């Protein structure tokens, strides 16, 4: 497994209740990675493209991931509205080497996750929805 920055998902319970909001968000990302091992990296980004919390490999630039995540979600929201598809629930990008998933986590956050080509998409979407609900309750 690669080295990750800003992640500590070692425990929950009493410890979570005494954590700051930033620590709770980082813990939620760590829990997502732990519960869904096919997710290789995850980040929580503000709608204006600022990093809130991340569990990214050290070679990925947080600022770039944040900016791209916010831009893709914003474009997806506009596209869905303009084409009469209603409110956006998620964005899914497939590349030759894997997937990028983006999902709103409440009104103030975008949950981004990366997975490899062999990932089970249904499980990832389910786990991300659960994490998005948890994050929305914190943020």
N, C-alpha and C. Protein backbone atom coordinates (compact mmCIF):
# COMPACT_ATOMS: atom_id res chain seq x y z
N UNK A 1 0.84 -1.19 0.00
CA UNK A 1 0.00 0.00 0.00
C UNK A 1 0.88 1.24 0.00
N UNK A 2 0.44 2.29 -0.67
CA UNK A 2 1.24 3.50 -0.79
C UNK A 2 1.15 4.32 0.49
N UNK A 3 2.10 5.25 0.64
CA UNK A 3 2.08 6.15 1.79
C UNK A 3 0.99 7.19 1.57
N UNK A 4 0.22 7.47 2.59
CA UNK A 4 -0.83 8.45 2.50
C UNK A 4 -0.54 9.59 3.46
N UNK A 5 -0.99 10.77 3.09
CA UNK A 5 -0.87 11.94 3.92
C UNK A 5 -2.19 12.19 4.62
N UNK A 6 -2.15 12.77 5.80
CA UNK A 6 -3.34 13.29 6.49
C UNK A 6 -4.40 12.25 6.78
N UNK A 7 -4.02 11.02 7.11
CA UNK A 7 -5.03 10.01 7.34
C UNK A 7 -4.75 9.25 8.63
N UNK A 8 -5.81 9.07 9.42
CA UNK A 8 -5.72 8.27 10.63
C UNK A 8 -7.10 7.68 10.87
N UNK A 9 -7.24 6.41 10.56
CA UNK A 9 -8.54 5.76 10.75
C UNK A 9 -8.44 4.65 11.77
N UNK A 10 -7.59 4.85 12.78
CA UNK A 10 -7.27 3.77 13.70
C UNK A 10 -8.40 3.40 14.65
N UNK A 11 -9.25 4.33 15.02
CA UNK A 11 -10.30 3.96 15.96
C UNK A 11 -11.49 4.90 15.83
N UNK A 12 -12.60 4.47 16.46
CA UNK A 12 -13.80 5.30 16.47
C UNK A 12 -14.28 5.45 17.90
N UNK A 13 -15.59 5.38 18.12
CA UNK A 13 -16.13 5.43 19.48
C UNK A 13 -15.86 6.74 20.17
N UNK A 14 -15.38 6.66 21.43
CA UNK A 14 -15.14 7.86 22.23
C UNK A 14 -14.18 8.82 21.56
N UNK A 15 -13.20 8.29 20.89
CA UNK A 15 -12.20 9.12 20.25
C UNK A 15 -12.83 10.04 19.20
N UNK A 16 -13.77 9.53 18.42
CA UNK A 16 -14.42 10.34 17.40
C UNK A 16 -15.21 11.48 18.02
N UNK A 17 -15.86 11.22 19.15
CA UNK A 17 -16.65 12.27 19.80
C UNK A 17 -15.78 13.44 20.27
N UNK A 18 -14.50 13.19 20.53
CA UNK A 18 -13.62 14.23 21.04
C UNK A 18 -12.74 14.83 19.95
N UNK A 19 -12.93 14.44 18.73
CA UNK A 19 -12.13 14.96 17.64
C UNK A 19 -12.68 16.29 17.15
N UNK A 20 -11.81 17.09 16.56
CA UNK A 20 -12.25 18.30 15.89
C UNK A 20 -13.01 17.91 14.62
N UNK A 21 -13.67 18.87 14.02
CA UNK A 21 -14.41 18.59 12.79
C UNK A 21 -13.46 18.10 11.69
N UNK A 22 -12.29 18.73 11.57
CA UNK A 22 -11.31 18.30 10.56
C UNK A 22 -10.87 16.86 10.82
N UNK A 23 -10.65 16.51 12.06
CA UNK A 23 -10.24 15.14 12.40
C UNK A 23 -11.36 14.15 12.10
N UNK A 24 -12.60 14.54 12.37
CA UNK A 24 -13.74 13.66 12.07
C UNK A 24 -13.86 13.42 10.56
N UNK A 25 -13.65 14.46 9.77
CA UNK A 25 -13.72 14.30 8.32
C UNK A 25 -12.60 13.41 7.80
N UNK A 26 -11.40 13.58 8.34
CA UNK A 26 -10.28 12.73 7.95
C UNK A 26 -10.54 11.29 8.36
N UNK A 27 -11.12 11.10 9.54
CA UNK A 27 -11.46 9.75 9.99
C UNK A 27 -12.51 9.12 9.07
N UNK A 28 -13.49 9.92 8.63
CA UNK A 28 -14.52 9.41 7.71
C UNK A 28 -13.89 8.94 6.40
N UNK A 29 -12.90 9.69 5.90
CA UNK A 29 -12.21 9.25 4.68
C UNK A 29 -11.43 7.96 4.94
N UNK A 30 -10.76 7.90 6.07
CA UNK A 30 -10.03 6.68 6.42
C UNK A 30 -10.94 5.48 6.53
N UNK A 31 -12.12 5.68 7.12
CA UNK A 31 -13.09 4.60 7.23
C UNK A 31 -13.56 4.14 5.85
N UNK A 32 -13.75 5.10 4.93
CA UNK A 32 -14.14 4.74 3.56
C UNK A 32 -13.08 3.85 2.92
N UNK A 33 -11.83 4.22 3.07
CA UNK A 33 -10.74 3.42 2.50
C UNK A 33 -10.66 2.05 3.15
N UNK A 34 -10.88 2.01 4.44
CA UNK A 34 -10.81 0.74 5.17
C UNK A 34 -11.99 -0.18 4.80
N UNK A 35 -13.18 0.39 4.65
CA UNK A 35 -14.37 -0.39 4.33
C UNK A 35 -14.45 -0.80 2.87
N UNK A 36 -13.78 -0.06 2.02
CA UNK A 36 -13.83 -0.31 0.58
C UNK A 36 -12.39 -0.36 0.06
N UNK A 37 -11.71 -1.50 0.23
CA UNK A 37 -10.30 -1.58 -0.12
C UNK A 37 -10.00 -1.35 -1.60
N UNK A 38 -11.01 -1.42 -2.45
CA UNK A 38 -10.79 -1.15 -3.87
C UNK A 38 -10.62 0.34 -4.15
N UNK A 39 -11.00 1.18 -3.19
CA UNK A 39 -10.77 2.62 -3.33
C UNK A 39 -9.31 2.88 -2.98
N UNK A 40 -8.59 3.43 -3.93
CA UNK A 40 -7.16 3.64 -3.77
C UNK A 40 -6.82 4.97 -3.13
N UNK A 41 -7.70 5.95 -3.26
CA UNK A 41 -7.48 7.28 -2.70
C UNK A 41 -8.82 7.99 -2.59
N UNK A 42 -8.89 8.96 -1.69
CA UNK A 42 -10.12 9.72 -1.51
C UNK A 42 -9.78 11.13 -1.04
N UNK A 43 -10.69 12.05 -1.36
CA UNK A 43 -10.51 13.43 -0.93
C UNK A 43 -11.87 14.07 -0.71
N UNK A 44 -11.89 15.05 0.15
CA UNK A 44 -13.08 15.82 0.42
C UNK A 44 -12.73 17.27 0.08
N UNK A 45 -13.52 17.84 -0.83
CA UNK A 45 -13.20 19.13 -1.41
C UNK A 45 -14.39 20.07 -1.24
N UNK A 46 -14.12 21.35 -1.01
CA UNK A 46 -15.20 22.33 -0.97
C UNK A 46 -15.68 22.60 -2.40
N UNK A 47 -16.91 23.07 -2.57
CA UNK A 47 -17.42 23.33 -3.92
C UNK A 47 -16.59 24.35 -4.70
N UNK A 48 -15.85 25.21 -3.98
CA UNK A 48 -15.01 26.19 -4.67
C UNK A 48 -13.58 25.70 -4.90
N UNK A 49 -13.33 24.40 -4.66
CA UNK A 49 -12.06 23.80 -5.03
C UNK A 49 -10.97 23.82 -3.99
N UNK A 50 -11.32 23.95 -2.73
CA UNK A 50 -10.33 23.92 -1.65
C UNK A 50 -10.36 22.57 -0.97
N UNK A 51 -9.18 22.02 -0.67
CA UNK A 51 -9.09 20.73 -0.01
C UNK A 51 -9.56 20.86 1.44
N UNK A 52 -10.43 19.96 1.85
CA UNK A 52 -10.93 19.92 3.22
C UNK A 52 -10.21 18.81 3.99
N UNK A 53 -10.14 17.63 3.40
CA UNK A 53 -9.45 16.48 4.00
C UNK A 53 -9.05 15.55 2.86
N UNK A 54 -7.97 14.80 3.08
CA UNK A 54 -7.56 13.90 2.00
C UNK A 54 -6.88 12.66 2.52
N UNK A 55 -6.98 11.63 1.72
CA UNK A 55 -6.25 10.38 1.90
C UNK A 55 -5.72 10.04 0.52
N UNK A 56 -4.72 10.81 0.11
CA UNK A 56 -4.16 10.70 -1.23
C UNK A 56 -2.74 10.17 -1.15
N UNK A 57 -2.31 9.43 -2.15
CA UNK A 57 -0.90 9.03 -2.21
C UNK A 57 -0.02 10.29 -2.24
N UNK A 58 1.15 10.20 -1.68
CA UNK A 58 2.01 11.38 -1.54
C UNK A 58 2.41 12.00 -2.88
N UNK A 59 2.34 11.25 -3.98
CA UNK A 59 2.72 11.81 -5.28
C UNK A 59 1.61 12.65 -5.92
N UNK A 60 0.40 12.62 -5.36
CA UNK A 60 -0.70 13.42 -5.91
C UNK A 60 -0.73 14.79 -5.24
N UNK A 61 -0.92 15.82 -6.04
CA UNK A 61 -0.98 17.18 -5.53
C UNK A 61 -2.40 17.50 -5.08
N UNK A 62 -2.56 17.78 -3.79
CA UNK A 62 -3.88 18.06 -3.23
C UNK A 62 -4.59 19.19 -3.96
N UNK A 63 -3.87 20.26 -4.25
CA UNK A 63 -4.49 21.42 -4.89
C UNK A 63 -5.07 21.08 -6.26
N UNK A 64 -4.36 20.26 -7.02
CA UNK A 64 -4.84 19.88 -8.34
C UNK A 64 -6.06 18.97 -8.23
N UNK A 65 -6.01 18.01 -7.33
CA UNK A 65 -7.15 17.11 -7.12
C UNK A 65 -8.37 17.92 -6.71
N UNK A 66 -8.18 18.87 -5.80
CA UNK A 66 -9.29 19.70 -5.32
C UNK A 66 -9.89 20.53 -6.44
N UNK A 67 -9.04 21.19 -7.20
CA UNK A 67 -9.53 22.05 -8.28
C UNK A 67 -10.27 21.24 -9.35
N UNK A 68 -9.70 20.10 -9.75
CA UNK A 68 -10.35 19.26 -10.76
C UNK A 68 -11.68 18.70 -10.26
N UNK A 69 -11.71 18.28 -9.00
CA UNK A 69 -12.95 17.72 -8.44
C UNK A 69 -14.07 18.74 -8.45
N UNK A 70 -13.78 19.94 -7.99
CA UNK A 70 -14.81 20.98 -7.95
C UNK A 70 -15.26 21.35 -9.36
N UNK A 71 -14.33 21.44 -10.30
CA UNK A 71 -14.68 21.80 -11.67
C UNK A 71 -15.55 20.74 -12.33
N UNK A 72 -15.18 19.47 -12.15
CA UNK A 72 -15.96 18.38 -12.75
C UNK A 72 -17.36 18.33 -12.16
N UNK A 73 -17.47 18.46 -10.84
CA UNK A 73 -18.80 18.41 -10.22
C UNK A 73 -19.65 19.60 -10.66
N UNK A 74 -19.06 20.77 -10.74
CA UNK A 74 -19.79 21.95 -11.17
C UNK A 74 -20.30 21.79 -12.60
N UNK A 75 -19.45 21.30 -13.48
CA UNK A 75 -19.85 21.07 -14.87
C UNK A 75 -20.95 20.01 -14.95
N UNK A 76 -20.82 18.95 -14.15
CA UNK A 76 -21.85 17.91 -14.13
C UNK A 76 -23.19 18.45 -13.65
N UNK A 77 -23.16 19.31 -12.63
CA UNK A 77 -24.40 19.90 -12.11
C UNK A 77 -25.07 20.76 -13.18
N UNK A 78 -24.28 21.59 -13.85
CA UNK A 78 -24.84 22.44 -14.90
C UNK A 78 -25.38 21.62 -16.06
N UNK A 79 -24.65 20.58 -16.44
CA UNK A 79 -25.09 19.72 -17.54
C UNK A 79 -26.42 19.05 -17.20
N UNK A 80 -26.50 18.46 -16.01
CA UNK A 80 -27.73 17.78 -15.60
C UNK A 80 -28.92 18.73 -15.59
N UNK A 81 -28.71 19.94 -15.07
CA UNK A 81 -29.80 20.93 -15.03
C UNK A 81 -30.19 21.38 -16.43
N UNK A 82 -29.20 21.77 -17.24
CA UNK A 82 -29.47 22.30 -18.58
C UNK A 82 -30.14 21.27 -19.49
N UNK A 83 -29.83 20.01 -19.29
CA UNK A 83 -30.40 18.96 -20.14
C UNK A 83 -31.64 18.32 -19.52
N UNK A 84 -32.15 18.93 -18.47
CA UNK A 84 -33.40 18.47 -17.87
C UNK A 84 -33.31 17.14 -17.14
N UNK A 85 -32.16 16.81 -16.60
CA UNK A 85 -31.99 15.55 -15.90
C UNK A 85 -32.14 15.69 -14.39
N UNK A 86 -32.47 16.86 -13.91
CA UNK A 86 -32.66 17.08 -12.48
C UNK A 86 -31.35 17.33 -11.77
N UNK A 87 -31.40 17.21 -10.45
CA UNK A 87 -30.22 17.45 -9.65
C UNK A 87 -29.18 16.34 -9.83
N UNK A 88 -27.93 16.73 -9.83
CA UNK A 88 -26.84 15.77 -10.01
C UNK A 88 -26.64 14.95 -8.74
N UNK A 89 -26.47 13.65 -8.89
CA UNK A 89 -26.20 12.80 -7.73
C UNK A 89 -24.75 12.33 -7.70
N UNK A 90 -24.17 12.11 -8.89
CA UNK A 90 -22.78 11.64 -8.92
C UNK A 90 -22.20 11.82 -10.31
N UNK A 91 -20.87 11.83 -10.37
CA UNK A 91 -20.15 11.87 -11.64
C UNK A 91 -19.20 10.69 -11.62
N UNK A 92 -19.11 10.04 -12.76
CA UNK A 92 -18.30 8.83 -12.88
C UNK A 92 -17.44 8.98 -14.13
N UNK A 93 -16.12 8.89 -13.96
CA UNK A 93 -15.19 9.02 -15.08
C UNK A 93 -14.42 7.71 -15.20
N UNK A 94 -14.41 7.14 -16.40
CA UNK A 94 -13.68 5.90 -16.63
C UNK A 94 -12.48 6.20 -17.51
N UNK A 95 -11.31 5.79 -17.04
CA UNK A 95 -10.08 5.91 -17.81
C UNK A 95 -9.51 4.54 -18.10
N UNK A 96 -8.46 4.49 -18.85
CA UNK A 96 -7.84 3.21 -19.19
C UNK A 96 -7.34 2.45 -17.98
N UNK A 97 -6.94 3.17 -16.94
CA UNK A 97 -6.34 2.53 -15.76
C UNK A 97 -7.26 2.51 -14.54
N UNK A 98 -8.46 3.04 -14.66
CA UNK A 98 -9.35 3.02 -13.51
C UNK A 98 -10.41 4.09 -13.57
N UNK A 99 -10.97 4.38 -12.40
CA UNK A 99 -12.15 5.23 -12.30
C UNK A 99 -11.94 6.38 -11.33
N UNK A 100 -12.68 7.46 -11.60
CA UNK A 100 -12.79 8.59 -10.69
C UNK A 100 -14.27 8.74 -10.39
N UNK A 101 -14.61 8.82 -9.12
CA UNK A 101 -15.99 8.98 -8.67
C UNK A 101 -16.09 10.31 -7.94
N UNK A 102 -17.12 11.07 -8.22
CA UNK A 102 -17.38 12.32 -7.50
C UNK A 102 -18.83 12.31 -7.05
N UNK A 103 -19.05 12.74 -5.83
CA UNK A 103 -20.38 12.69 -5.26
C UNK A 103 -20.52 13.84 -4.26
N UNK A 104 -21.66 14.51 -4.28
CA UNK A 104 -21.90 15.54 -3.28
C UNK A 104 -22.00 14.89 -1.91
N UNK A 105 -21.42 15.55 -0.94
CA UNK A 105 -21.51 15.10 0.45
C UNK A 105 -22.10 16.26 1.24
N UNK A 106 -23.37 16.51 1.02
CA UNK A 106 -24.02 17.67 1.61
C UNK A 106 -23.82 18.87 0.70
N UNK A 107 -24.25 20.03 1.16
CA UNK A 107 -24.18 21.23 0.33
C UNK A 107 -22.78 21.82 0.27
N UNK A 108 -21.90 21.41 1.18
CA UNK A 108 -20.61 22.08 1.30
C UNK A 108 -19.40 21.22 0.95
N UNK A 109 -19.61 20.04 0.40
CA UNK A 109 -18.45 19.18 0.15
C UNK A 109 -18.68 18.25 -1.04
N UNK A 110 -17.57 17.93 -1.70
CA UNK A 110 -17.54 16.97 -2.80
C UNK A 110 -16.63 15.83 -2.36
N UNK A 111 -17.14 14.61 -2.41
CA UNK A 111 -16.36 13.42 -2.09
C UNK A 111 -15.83 12.85 -3.39
N UNK A 112 -14.51 12.73 -3.48
CA UNK A 112 -13.84 12.19 -4.66
C UNK A 112 -13.13 10.91 -4.28
N UNK A 113 -13.24 9.88 -5.11
CA UNK A 113 -12.54 8.62 -4.85
C UNK A 113 -11.96 8.09 -6.16
N UNK A 114 -10.84 7.40 -6.04
CA UNK A 114 -10.17 6.78 -7.18
C UNK A 114 -10.11 5.29 -6.96
N UNK A 115 -10.37 4.54 -8.01
CA UNK A 115 -10.33 3.08 -7.92
C UNK A 115 -9.72 2.50 -9.18
N UNK A 116 -9.18 1.30 -9.05
CA UNK A 116 -8.57 0.61 -10.18
C UNK A 116 -9.59 0.03 -11.13
N UNK A 117 -9.12 -0.46 -12.24
CA UNK A 117 -9.97 -0.96 -13.32
C UNK A 117 -10.82 -2.17 -12.91
N UNK A 118 -10.34 -2.98 -11.97
CA UNK A 118 -11.07 -4.18 -11.57
C UNK A 118 -12.03 -3.96 -10.40
N UNK A 119 -12.24 -2.73 -10.02
CA UNK A 119 -13.09 -2.42 -8.86
C UNK A 119 -14.54 -2.81 -9.13
N UNK A 120 -15.21 -3.21 -8.08
CA UNK A 120 -16.64 -3.54 -8.14
C UNK A 120 -17.41 -2.23 -7.93
N UNK A 121 -17.94 -1.70 -9.02
CA UNK A 121 -18.52 -0.37 -9.02
C UNK A 121 -19.71 -0.23 -8.08
N UNK A 122 -20.57 -1.22 -8.04
CA UNK A 122 -21.73 -1.14 -7.16
C UNK A 122 -21.35 -0.99 -5.70
N UNK A 123 -20.34 -1.72 -5.27
CA UNK A 123 -19.88 -1.62 -3.88
C UNK A 123 -19.26 -0.25 -3.60
N UNK A 124 -18.52 0.25 -4.56
CA UNK A 124 -17.90 1.56 -4.36
C UNK A 124 -18.96 2.64 -4.26
N UNK A 125 -19.94 2.63 -5.15
CA UNK A 125 -21.02 3.62 -5.08
C UNK A 125 -21.75 3.52 -3.75
N UNK A 126 -22.04 2.31 -3.30
CA UNK A 126 -22.72 2.13 -2.02
C UNK A 126 -21.89 2.70 -0.88
N UNK A 127 -20.62 2.30 -0.81
CA UNK A 127 -19.75 2.78 0.27
C UNK A 127 -19.58 4.30 0.22
N UNK A 128 -19.50 4.86 -0.97
CA UNK A 128 -19.38 6.31 -1.08
C UNK A 128 -20.65 7.02 -0.61
N UNK A 129 -21.80 6.46 -0.94
CA UNK A 129 -23.06 7.07 -0.47
C UNK A 129 -23.13 7.08 1.05
N UNK A 130 -22.70 5.96 1.66
CA UNK A 130 -22.69 5.90 3.13
C UNK A 130 -21.73 6.92 3.70
N UNK A 131 -20.55 7.03 3.12
CA UNK A 131 -19.55 7.99 3.59
C UNK A 131 -20.05 9.42 3.37
N UNK A 132 -20.69 9.68 2.24
CA UNK A 132 -21.21 11.02 1.95
C UNK A 132 -22.25 11.44 2.99
N UNK A 133 -23.10 10.50 3.41
CA UNK A 133 -24.09 10.81 4.46
C UNK A 133 -23.40 11.17 5.77
N UNK A 134 -22.40 10.38 6.13
CA UNK A 134 -21.65 10.64 7.36
C UNK A 134 -20.95 11.99 7.30
N UNK A 135 -20.31 12.27 6.17
CA UNK A 135 -19.59 13.54 6.00
C UNK A 135 -20.56 14.71 6.05
N UNK A 136 -21.72 14.58 5.42
CA UNK A 136 -22.72 15.65 5.43
C UNK A 136 -23.18 15.96 6.85
N UNK A 137 -23.25 14.94 7.69
CA UNK A 137 -23.67 15.17 9.08
C UNK A 137 -22.59 15.87 9.91
N UNK A 138 -21.34 15.77 9.48
CA UNK A 138 -20.23 16.42 10.18
C UNK A 138 -20.02 17.83 9.67
N UNK A 139 -20.11 18.01 8.36
CA UNK A 139 -19.71 19.24 7.69
C UNK A 139 -20.89 20.14 7.53
